[in-house]
Amino acid sequence: MRPRSLFVPAVAVSALALIPLAYIVLITLQTGLATFVALTFRPRVLELLINTLALLALAIPACAVVGVGAAWLVERTNLNRRSRRW
């Protein structure tokens, strides 16, 4: 059973994540498809897309290595709760 208390925050976060897409659709409807195409398919947009893909190509393997390493260390060590002093 899913916790119902998480439904409202999940919908709120999803709605916030859709704001940029809604803005693009609204501006496209106001200015027309030709303006949208002219602004979207510029050399600068291609450069930004390449930079984003390069960042993804570096960040995803790095996060996987750190995450798997941390999981392996947690699994292989004895974390006794009584011995920790917080």
PDB file of N, CA and C in Angstrom:
ATOM      1  N   MET A   1       0.842  -1.181   0.000  1.00  0.00           N
ATOM      2  CA  MET A   1       0.000   0.000   0.000  1.00  0.00           C
ATOM      3  C   MET A   1       0.886   1.244   0.000  1.00  0.00           C
ATOM      4  N   ARG A   2       0.570   2.178  -0.833  1.00  0.00           N
ATOM      5  CA  ARG A   2       1.341   3.412  -0.924  1.00  0.00           C
ATOM      6  C   ARG A   2       0.879   4.399   0.140  1.00  0.00           C
ATOM      7  N   PRO A   3       1.834   5.113   0.733  1.00  0.00           N
ATOM      8  CA  PRO A   3       1.427   6.117   1.722  1.00  0.00           C
ATOM      9  C   PRO A   3       0.714   7.294   1.049  1.00  0.00           C
ATOM     10  N   ARG A   4      -0.452   7.590   1.507  1.00  0.00           N
ATOM     11  CA  ARG A   4      -1.243   8.668   0.914  1.00  0.00           C
ATOM     12  C   ARG A   4      -0.676  10.044   1.252  1.00  0.00           C
ATOM     13  N   SER A   5       0.122  10.127   2.293  1.00  0.00           N
ATOM     14  CA  SER A   5       0.689  11.413   2.674  1.00  0.00           C
ATOM     15  C   SER A   5       1.733  11.899   1.674  1.00  0.00           C
ATOM     16  N   LEU A   6       2.223  11.022   0.813  1.00  0.00           N
ATOM     17  CA  LEU A   6       3.215  11.414  -0.181  1.00  0.00           C
ATOM     18  C   LEU A   6       2.589  11.850  -1.494  1.00  0.00           C
ATOM     19  N   PHE A   7       1.296  11.691  -1.648  1.00  0.00           N
ATOM     20  CA  PHE A   7       0.634  12.008  -2.907  1.00  0.00           C
ATOM     21  C   PHE A   7       0.697  13.499  -3.222  1.00  0.00           C
ATOM     22  N   VAL A   8       0.359  14.338  -2.261  1.00  0.00           N
ATOM     23  CA  VAL A   8       0.341  15.791  -2.492  1.00  0.00           C
ATOM     24  C   VAL A   8       1.734  16.325  -2.788  1.00  0.00           C
ATOM     25  N   PRO A   9       2.775  15.978  -2.003  1.00  0.00           N
ATOM     26  CA  PRO A   9       4.114  16.464  -2.367  1.00  0.00           C
ATOM     27  C   PRO A   9       4.583  15.951  -3.725  1.00  0.00           C
ATOM     28  N   ALA A  10       4.236  14.727  -4.074  1.00  0.00           N
ATOM     29  CA  ALA A  10       4.640  14.182  -5.373  1.00  0.00           C
ATOM     30  C   ALA A  10       3.985  14.947  -6.511  1.00  0.00           C
ATOM     31  N   VAL A  11       2.723  15.270  -6.371  1.00  0.00           N
ATOM     32  CA  VAL A  11       2.027  16.047  -7.406  1.00  0.00           C
ATOM     33  C   VAL A  11       2.611  17.448  -7.488  1.00  0.00           C
ATOM     34  N   ALA A  12       2.941  18.047  -6.349  1.00  0.00           N
ATOM     35  CA  ALA A  12       3.516  19.395  -6.338  1.00  0.00           C
ATOM     36  C   ALA A  12       4.877  19.423  -7.027  1.00  0.00           C
ATOM     37  N   VAL A  13       5.723  18.457  -6.744  1.00  0.00           N
ATOM     38  CA  VAL A  13       7.040  18.400  -7.379  1.00  0.00           C
ATOM     39  C   VAL A  13       6.902  18.144  -8.871  1.00  0.00           C
ATOM     40  N   SER A  14       5.977  17.286  -9.257  1.00  0.00           N
ATOM     41  CA  SER A  14       5.750  17.011 -10.673  1.00  0.00           C
ATOM     42  C   SER A  14       5.258  18.257 -11.399  1.00  0.00           C
ATOM     43  N   ALA A  15       4.366  18.998 -10.770  1.00  0.00           N
ATOM     44  CA  ALA A  15       3.855  20.227 -11.387  1.00  0.00           C
ATOM     45  C   ALA A  15       4.972  21.259 -11.539  1.00  0.00           C
ATOM     46  N   LEU A  16       5.829  21.375 -10.546  1.00  0.00           N
ATOM     47  CA  LEU A  16       6.954  22.308 -10.641  1.00  0.00           C
ATOM     48  C   LEU A  16       7.928  21.899 -11.747  1.00  0.00           C
ATOM     49  N   ALA A  17       8.127  20.620 -11.915  1.00  0.00           N
ATOM     50  CA  ALA A  17       9.037  20.140 -12.952  1.00  0.00           C
ATOM     51  C   ALA A  17       8.479  20.388 -14.354  1.00  0.00           C
ATOM     52  N   LEU A  18       7.171  20.517 -14.481  1.00  0.00           N
ATOM     53  CA  LEU A  18       6.546  20.740 -15.788  1.00  0.00           C
ATOM     54  C   LEU A  18       6.440  22.210 -16.165  1.00  0.00           C
ATOM     55  N   ILE A  19       6.818  23.116 -15.276  1.00  0.00           N
ATOM     56  CA  ILE A  19       6.705  24.551 -15.563  1.00  0.00           C
ATOM     57  C   ILE A  19       7.529  24.955 -16.789  1.00  0.00           C
ATOM     58  N   PRO A  20       8.796  24.530 -16.932  1.00  0.00           N
ATOM     59  CA  PRO A  20       9.533  24.938 -18.147  1.00  0.00           C
ATOM     60  C   PRO A  20       8.888  24.446 -19.443  1.00  0.00           C
ATOM     61  N   LEU A  21       8.385  23.232 -19.443  1.00  0.00           N
ATOM     62  CA  LEU A  21       7.716  22.714 -20.639  1.00  0.00           C
ATOM     63  C   LEU A  21       6.451  23.509 -20.945  1.00  0.00           C
ATOM     64  N   ALA A  22       5.688  23.836 -19.930  1.00  0.00           N
ATOM     65  CA  ALA A  22       4.473  24.638 -20.134  1.00  0.00           C
ATOM     66  C   ALA A  22       4.825  26.022 -20.666  1.00  0.00           C
ATOM     67  N   TYR A  23       5.921  26.601 -20.193  1.00  0.00           N
ATOM     68  CA  TYR A  23       6.359  27.905 -20.681  1.00  0.00           C
ATOM     69  C   TYR A  23       6.711  27.843 -22.159  1.00  0.00           C
ATOM     70  N   ILE A  24       7.424  26.803 -22.560  1.00  0.00           N
ATOM     71  CA  ILE A  24       7.803  26.657 -23.967  1.00  0.00           C
ATOM     72  C   ILE A  24       6.565  26.500 -24.846  1.00  0.00           C
ATOM     73  N   VAL A  25       5.629  25.701 -24.394  1.00  0.00           N
ATOM     74  CA  VAL A  25       4.395  25.510 -25.168  1.00  0.00           C
ATOM     75  C   VAL A  25       3.620  26.826 -25.266  1.00  0.00           C
ATOM     76  N   LEU A  26       3.536  27.581 -24.179  1.00  0.00           N
ATOM     77  CA  LEU A  26       2.815  28.852 -24.177  1.00  0.00           C
ATOM     78  C   LEU A  26       3.473  29.856 -25.129  1.00  0.00           C
ATOM     79  N   ILE A  27       4.778  29.983 -25.066  1.00  0.00           N
ATOM     80  CA  ILE A  27       5.488  30.917 -25.945  1.00  0.00           C
ATOM     81  C   ILE A  27       5.343  30.487 -27.403  1.00  0.00           C
ATOM     82  N   THR A  28       5.383  29.184 -27.663  1.00  0.00           N
ATOM     83  CA  THR A  28       5.205  28.689 -29.033  1.00  0.00           C
ATOM     84  C   THR A  28       3.819  29.034 -29.557  1.00  0.00           C
ATOM     85  N   LEU A  29       2.808  28.897 -28.718  1.00  0.00           N
ATOM     86  CA  LEU A  29       1.447  29.231 -29.147  1.00  0.00           C
ATOM     87  C   LEU A  29       1.295  30.723 -29.408  1.00  0.00           C
ATOM     88  N   GLN A  30       2.025  31.562 -28.647  1.00  0.00           N
ATOM     89  CA  GLN A  30       1.918  33.010 -28.812  1.00  0.00           C
ATOM     90  C   GLN A  30       2.694  33.512 -30.028  1.00  0.00           C
ATOM     91  N   THR A  31       3.883  32.961 -30.256  1.00  0.00           N
ATOM     92  CA  THR A  31       4.743  33.493 -31.314  1.00  0.00           C
ATOM     93  C   THR A  31       4.653  32.731 -32.620  1.00  0.00           C
ATOM     94  N   GLY A  32       4.215  31.516 -32.577  1.00  0.00           N
ATOM     95  CA  GLY A  32       4.098  30.724 -33.795  1.00  0.00           C
ATOM     96  C   GLY A  32       5.207  29.688 -33.886  1.00  0.00           C
ATOM     97  N   LEU A  33       4.958  28.685 -34.694  1.00  0.00           N
ATOM     98  CA  LEU A  33       5.884  27.574 -34.824  1.00  0.00           C
ATOM     99  C   LEU A  33       7.184  27.985 -35.510  1.00  0.00           C
ATOM    100  N   ALA A  34       7.119  28.917 -36.444  1.00  0.00           N
ATOM    101  CA  ALA A  34       8.330  29.352 -37.163  1.00  0.00           C
ATOM    102  C   ALA A  34       9.332  29.991 -36.206  1.00  0.00           C
ATOM    103  N   THR A  35       8.865  30.803 -35.295  1.00  0.00           N
ATOM    104  CA  THR A  35       9.757  31.426 -34.308  1.00  0.00           C
ATOM    105  C   THR A  35      10.339  30.384 -33.378  1.00  0.00           C
ATOM    106  N   PHE A  36       9.526  29.428 -32.972  1.00  0.00           N
ATOM    107  CA  PHE A  36      10.019  28.356 -32.106  1.00  0.00           C
ATOM    108  C   PHE A  36      11.130  27.571 -32.794  1.00  0.00           C
ATOM    109  N   VAL A  37      10.933  27.210 -34.043  1.00  0.00           N
ATOM    110  CA  VAL A  37      11.936  26.455 -34.793  1.00  0.00           C
ATOM    111  C   VAL A  37      13.201  27.286 -34.967  1.00  0.00           C
ATOM    112  N   ALA A  38      13.041  28.577 -35.275  1.00  0.00           N
ATOM    113  CA  ALA A  38      14.203  29.444 -35.467  1.00  0.00           C
ATOM    114  C   ALA A  38      15.011  29.593 -34.179  1.00  0.00           C
ATOM    115  N   LEU A  39      14.356  29.658 -33.048  1.00  0.00           N
ATOM    116  CA  LEU A  39      15.062  29.809 -31.773  1.00  0.00           C
ATOM    117  C   LEU A  39      15.632  28.492 -31.260  1.00  0.00           C
ATOM    118  N   THR A  40      14.978  27.397 -31.576  1.00  0.00           N
ATOM    119  CA  THR A  40      15.403  26.101 -31.053  1.00  0.00           C
ATOM    120  C   THR A  40      16.584  25.526 -31.818  1.00  0.00           C
ATOM    121  N   PHE A  41      16.603  25.668 -33.114  1.00  0.00           N
ATOM    122  CA  PHE A  41      17.644  25.051 -33.929  1.00  0.00           C
ATOM    123  C   PHE A  41      18.710  26.065 -34.320  1.00  0.00           C
ATOM    124  N   ARG A  42      19.340  26.645 -33.281  1.00  0.00           N
ATOM    125  CA  ARG A  42      20.453  27.586 -33.464  1.00  0.00           C
ATOM    126  C   ARG A  42      21.746  26.870 -33.103  1.00  0.00           C
ATOM    127  N   PRO A  43      22.894  27.376 -33.578  1.00  0.00           N
ATOM    128  CA  PRO A  43      24.168  26.749 -33.213  1.00  0.00           C
ATOM    129  C   PRO A  43      24.430  26.742 -31.706  1.00  0.00           C
ATOM    130  N   ARG A  44      24.019  27.769 -31.005  1.00  0.00           N
ATOM    131  CA  ARG A  44      24.245  27.832 -29.557  1.00  0.00           C
ATOM    132  C   ARG A  44      23.487  26.727 -28.833  1.00  0.00           C
ATOM    133  N   VAL A  45      22.292  26.417 -29.273  1.00  0.00           N
ATOM    134  CA  VAL A  45      21.502  25.351 -28.650  1.00  0.00           C
ATOM    135  C   VAL A  45      22.195  24.009 -28.858  1.00  0.00           C
ATOM    136  N   LEU A  46      22.743  23.796 -30.042  1.00  0.00           N
ATOM    137  CA  LEU A  46      23.481  22.563 -30.308  1.00  0.00           C
ATOM    138  C   LEU A  46      24.714  22.462 -29.405  1.00  0.00           C
ATOM    139  N   GLU A  47      25.408  23.580 -29.221  1.00  0.00           N
ATOM    140  CA  GLU A  47      26.575  23.596 -28.339  1.00  0.00           C
ATOM    141  C   GLU A  47      26.185  23.258 -26.899  1.00  0.00           C
ATOM    142  N   LEU A  48      25.101  23.825 -26.426  1.00  0.00           N
ATOM    143  CA  LEU A  48      24.627  23.527 -25.072  1.00  0.00           C
ATOM    144  C   LEU A  48      24.194  22.076 -24.935  1.00  0.00           C
ATOM    145  N   LEU A  49      23.580  21.524 -25.975  1.00  0.00           N
ATOM    146  CA  LEU A  49      23.174  20.123 -25.951  1.00  0.00           C
ATOM    147  C   LEU A  49      24.394  19.209 -25.881  1.00  0.00           C
ATOM    148  N   ILE A  50      25.420  19.522 -26.640  1.00  0.00           N
ATOM    149  CA  ILE A  50      26.651  18.722 -26.605  1.00  0.00           C
ATOM    150  C   ILE A  50      27.304  18.796 -25.234  1.00  0.00           C
ATOM    151  N   ASN A  51      27.337  19.990 -24.638  1.00  0.00           N
ATOM    152  CA  ASN A  51      27.890  20.133 -23.284  1.00  0.00           C
ATOM    153  C   ASN A  51      27.099  19.319 -22.265  1.00  0.00           C
ATOM    154  N   THR A  52      25.785  19.322 -22.397  1.00  0.00           N
ATOM    155  CA  THR A  52      24.946  18.559 -21.475  1.00  0.00           C
ATOM    156  C   THR A  52      25.185  17.061 -21.620  1.00  0.00           C
ATOM    157  N   LEU A  53      25.297  16.588 -22.848  1.00  0.00           N
ATOM    158  CA  LEU A  53      25.553  15.167 -23.070  1.00  0.00           C
ATOM    159  C   LEU A  53      26.943  14.758 -22.570  1.00  0.00           C
ATOM    160  N   ALA A  54      27.921  15.641 -22.719  1.00  0.00           N
ATOM    161  CA  ALA A  54      29.262  15.359 -22.195  1.00  0.00           C
ATOM    162  C   ALA A  54      29.238  15.286 -20.673  1.00  0.00           C
ATOM    163  N   LEU A  55      28.503  16.185 -20.051  1.00  0.00           N
ATOM    164  CA  LEU A  55      28.375  16.153 -18.596  1.00  0.00           C
ATOM    165  C   LEU A  55      27.713  14.860 -18.140  1.00  0.00           C
ATOM    166  N   LEU A  56      26.682  14.428 -18.845  1.00  0.00           N
ATOM    167  CA  LEU A  56      26.023  13.165 -18.518  1.00  0.00           C
ATOM    168  C   LEU A  56      26.977  11.989 -18.680  1.00  0.00           C
ATOM    169  N   ALA A  57      27.760  12.010 -19.750  1.00  0.00           N
ATOM    170  CA  ALA A  57      28.690  10.904 -20.011  1.00  0.00           C
ATOM    171  C   ALA A  57      29.757  10.793 -18.931  1.00  0.00           C
ATOM    172  N   LEU A  58      30.088  11.892 -18.273  1.00  0.00           N
ATOM    173  CA  LEU A  58      31.080  11.861 -17.195  1.00  0.00           C
ATOM    174  C   LEU A  58      30.438  11.623 -15.825  1.00  0.00           C
ATOM    175  N   ALA A  59      29.285  12.229 -15.592  1.00  0.00           N
ATOM    176  CA  ALA A  59      28.686  12.175 -14.258  1.00  0.00           C
ATOM    177  C   ALA A  59      28.060  10.817 -13.947  1.00  0.00           C
ATOM    178  N   ILE A  60      27.425  10.195 -14.917  1.00  0.00           N
ATOM    179  CA  ILE A  60      26.745   8.921 -14.651  1.00  0.00           C
ATOM    180  C   ILE A  60      27.729   7.828 -14.262  1.00  0.00           C
ATOM    181  N   PRO A  61      28.820   7.611 -14.996  1.00  0.00           N
ATOM    182  CA  PRO A  61      29.781   6.591 -14.540  1.00  0.00           C
ATOM    183  C   PRO A  61      30.432   6.940 -13.204  1.00  0.00           C
ATOM    184  N   ALA A  62      30.710   8.227 -12.983  1.00  0.00           N
ATOM    185  CA  ALA A  62      31.316   8.618 -11.712  1.00  0.00           C
ATOM    186  C   ALA A  62      30.367   8.326 -10.545  1.00  0.00           C
ATOM    187  N   CYS A  63      29.100   8.639 -10.706  1.00  0.00           N
ATOM    188  CA  CYS A  63      28.116   8.358  -9.652  1.00  0.00           C
ATOM    189  C   CYS A  63      27.950   6.857  -9.446  1.00  0.00           C
ATOM    190  N   ALA A  64      28.000   6.102 -10.521  1.00  0.00           N
ATOM    191  CA  ALA A  64      27.885   4.649 -10.393  1.00  0.00           C
ATOM    192  C   ALA A  64      29.072   4.074  -9.626  1.00  0.00           C
ATOM    193  N   VAL A  65      30.274   4.550  -9.924  1.00  0.00           N
ATOM    194  CA  VAL A  65      31.460   4.055  -9.217  1.00  0.00           C
ATOM    195  C   VAL A  65      31.393   4.413  -7.736  1.00  0.00           C
ATOM    196  N   VAL A  66      31.061   5.651  -7.425  1.00  0.00           N
ATOM    197  CA  VAL A  66      30.976   6.069  -6.022  1.00  0.00           C
ATOM    198  C   VAL A  66      29.852   5.316  -5.309  1.00  0.00           C
ATOM    199  N   GLY A  67      28.701   5.171  -5.948  1.00  0.00           N
ATOM    200  CA  GLY A  67      27.575   4.486  -5.316  1.00  0.00           C
ATOM    201  C   GLY A  67      27.833   3.015  -5.072  1.00  0.00           C
ATOM    202  N   VAL A  68      28.393   2.331  -6.069  1.00  0.00           N
ATOM    203  CA  VAL A  68      28.694   0.909  -5.901  1.00  0.00           C
ATOM    204  C   VAL A  68      29.796   0.721  -4.861  1.00  0.00           C
ATOM    205  N   GLY A  69      30.795   1.596  -4.896  1.00  0.00           N
ATOM    206  CA  GLY A  69      31.863   1.514  -3.889  1.00  0.00           C
ATOM    207  C   GLY A  69      31.337   1.727  -2.477  1.00  0.00           C
ATOM    208  N   ALA A  70      30.481   2.717  -2.296  1.00  0.00           N
ATOM    209  CA  ALA A  70      29.907   2.973  -0.972  1.00  0.00           C
ATOM    210  C   ALA A  70      29.024   1.808  -0.528  1.00  0.00           C
ATOM    211  N   ALA A  71      28.225   1.271  -1.438  1.00  0.00           N
ATOM    212  CA  ALA A  71      27.375   0.124  -1.092  1.00  0.00           C
ATOM    213  C   ALA A  71      28.220  -1.083  -0.713  1.00  0.00           C
ATOM    214  N   TRP A  72      29.308  -1.302  -1.445  1.00  0.00           N
ATOM    215  CA  TRP A  72      30.187  -2.427  -1.142  1.00  0.00           C
ATOM    216  C   TRP A  72      30.818  -2.250   0.233  1.00  0.00           C
ATOM    217  N   LEU A  73      31.276  -1.024   0.545  1.00  0.00           N
ATOM    218  CA  LEU A  73      31.886  -0.782   1.859  1.00  0.00           C
ATOM    219  C   LEU A  73      30.884  -0.963   2.991  1.00  0.00           C
ATOM    220  N   VAL A  74      29.664  -0.489   2.790  1.00  0.00           N
ATOM    221  CA  VAL A  74      28.636  -0.650   3.826  1.00  0.00           C
ATOM    222  C   VAL A  74      28.311  -2.117   4.024  1.00  0.00           C
ATOM    223  N   GLU A  75      28.238  -2.871   2.949  1.00  0.00           N
ATOM    224  CA  GLU A  75      27.924  -4.299   3.043  1.00  0.00           C
ATOM    225  C   GLU A  75      29.051  -5.084   3.705  1.00  0.00           C
ATOM    226  N   ARG A  76      30.288  -4.704   3.469  1.00  0.00           N
ATOM    227  CA  ARG A  76      31.436  -5.480   3.944  1.00  0.00           C
ATOM    228  C   ARG A  76      31.928  -5.083   5.333  1.00  0.00           C
ATOM    229  N   THR A  77      31.369  -4.044   5.914  1.00  0.00           N
ATOM    230  CA  THR A  77      31.816  -3.623   7.245  1.00  0.00           C
ATOM    231  C   THR A  77      30.727  -3.901   8.269  1.00  0.00           C
ATOM    232  N   ASN A  78      31.152  -3.966   9.507  1.00  0.00           N
ATOM    233  CA  ASN A  78      30.218  -4.192  10.599  1.00  0.00           C
ATOM    234  C   ASN A  78      29.885  -2.840  11.220  1.00  0.00           C
ATOM    235  N   LEU A  79      28.680  -2.383  11.008  1.00  0.00           N
ATOM    236  CA  LEU A  79      28.250  -1.103  11.552  1.00  0.00           C
ATOM    237  C   LEU A  79      27.380  -1.358  12.781  1.00  0.00           C
ATOM    238  N   ASN A  80      28.041  -1.511  13.902  1.00  0.00           N
ATOM    239  CA  ASN A  80      27.338  -1.771  15.144  1.00  0.00           C
ATOM    240  C   ASN A  80      26.793  -0.446  15.678  1.00  0.00           C
ATOM    241  N   ARG A  81      25.515  -0.375  15.900  1.00  0.00           N
ATOM    242  CA  ARG A  81      24.902   0.878  16.344  1.00  0.00           C
ATOM    243  C   ARG A  81      25.312   1.249  17.760  1.00  0.00           C
ATOM    244  N   ARG A  82      25.603   0.292  18.597  1.00  0.00           N
ATOM    245  CA  ARG A  82      25.965   0.605  19.979  1.00  0.00           C
ATOM    246  C   ARG A  82      27.359   1.218  20.091  1.00  0.00           C
ATOM    247  N   SER A  83      28.196   0.983  19.105  1.00  0.00           N
ATOM    248  CA  SER A  83      29.563   1.488  19.221  1.00  0.00           C
ATOM    249  C   SER A  83      29.682   2.935  18.741  1.00  0.00           C
ATOM    250  N   ARG A  84      28.669   3.451  18.059  1.00  0.00           N
ATOM    251  CA  ARG A  84      28.721   4.831  17.599  1.00  0.00           C
ATOM    252  C   ARG A  84      28.316   5.780  18.708  1.00  0.00           C
ATOM    253  N   ARG A  85      29.045   6.887  18.822  1.00  0.00           N
ATOM    254  CA  ARG A  85      28.688   7.903  19.819  1.00  0.00           C
ATOM    255  C   ARG A  85      28.388   9.202  19.111  1.00  0.00           C
ATOM    256  N   TRP A  86      27.129   9.500  18.988  1.00  0.00           N
ATOM    257  CA  TRP A  86      26.705  10.725  18.286  1.00  0.00           C
ATOM    258  C   TRP A  86      26.453  11.754  19.284  1.00  0.00           C
TER     259      TRP A  86
END
